[in-house]
């Protein structure tokens, strides 16, 4: 396996941190977080915002992998707000399973099928008019432009629920999203790097946009999202498109470079490098079992022309999505058990996740599925410390993210807005930054981490959970007091 072209560059300005840990065993402890979500103005984004009103007819759809405490707290909240509600608890086959990073290949194939079924069910519910709101799912695209309103239920465990991410002011989240989107729209060249080895560029061509660069090009959105144009034409709150959420025709996609990392939506995997040419994955190196599975998919699909794809093959780079909530943190208790996995952490501000494969929930993806084409799905690499540099129309450069810090959080206007709700230094500080040897703590990246990141990650989380006060002193002796904060 190849090494990085150079050792990872240390990031002394990004020391590790995580919030205090406490076991939540009482439904009452979760109610303030659900009440905050219930009062937030409705948003169809990834950050939960239900805007519950008295008399609303609400369908809450959970599954058997959600913790019963979270479901009970949600029910009490619906009752408190005077909603008429129904709870559907879908049974999964068996109890939650312990995942590993390579399981993302199978999981994302299954989620792709489940999401298609969810869209069909949301359409049916909209036609029937039985409900005003549906609270369903924990991520991914959502149905827009309908009478019925669909929102998320990302409350898998009590620890994930009792988080400052869900009490963070909606006005501030909206402003951070808009700041980030406004700058992405104006960038003509986009350069993404990360100390784990990513170095990736693409041209943000005029063809991606309308004439004012306010929305994505209506022609391409009509090709990819004819059933969901409101979703397709602009950003998804909490999930800002760092690359447009569709693919241009062959000859126009020019993404090139390498993507490297050790984490996907499910969990850690040994270091892997993807080579990108013209927005296609042309080589996959390393990755352990995850890499083996992806190489098999690349081989099996190399000669297939998938609908909407610029050229043959399935593994096309189409996503570089940006998280925007500084209070998201990696769960510690029972990490990698069921949906208590790395899917949640991608929403933390400044984290970029790279997606390649079929474009999720798009019409070409549905067409490929109906045609019986193999391996429909898409997969990821998370960048925890990325730098995203935008070059404007006249050559000026601006850093959108620097070493994993979303620059919106340092903007004077965002900080003034934060003053309405408290201390900007506390509100706009990330609650969680992972510790990685050779990057932001002492150690050798290859020896101590990259060949088996799952072992390191589990150990770090266990120490943080059981001995949080000692963890903070070990990783950052000088700043232990100020970086240990519970909301």
Foldseek 3Di string as FASTA:
>chain_A
DDDFPDFFDADQVFFWFFAAFDDDDALVLLQVLLLLQCCADDAAFQQRHNVDAAAFEEEEEEEPLADVSLVVSNVVNCVVRNYRYDYHYHYDDDYFDFDAQLCCLVVQVVVLVVVVVVVVVVVVCLVVVRGQEYEDANDDHDADPTSHHYGYDNRRDPVQSQWCLSNQHPVLLVLLLVVLQVVLLFFQKKWKDFSQHFTKIWGPDPQQADPVSPWGDPVQCCQWPVRHSVPQTAQRRLKHFNFRLADDAAPRQAMFTKDWAAAWLQGGFFIKIFGAGSQAGDDIDDGPSSSVVVVVQQVVFVQPDFPRDRHTGFWGWGGWIFARALTFAQDQPSESGHSSYNNRVRNHGLKIKTKTGDRRPIPSLVVCVVVVHPSHGMIIHIRQQMWMWGAGPVGDIDTCGGGSQGCSLVDPVSCVVCVVPHHSVVRSHRNGRDDADSHHADDRRVPPDNRPPVVVVNVLSVCCNPPVLVSLCVRPVVCSVVSHHRD
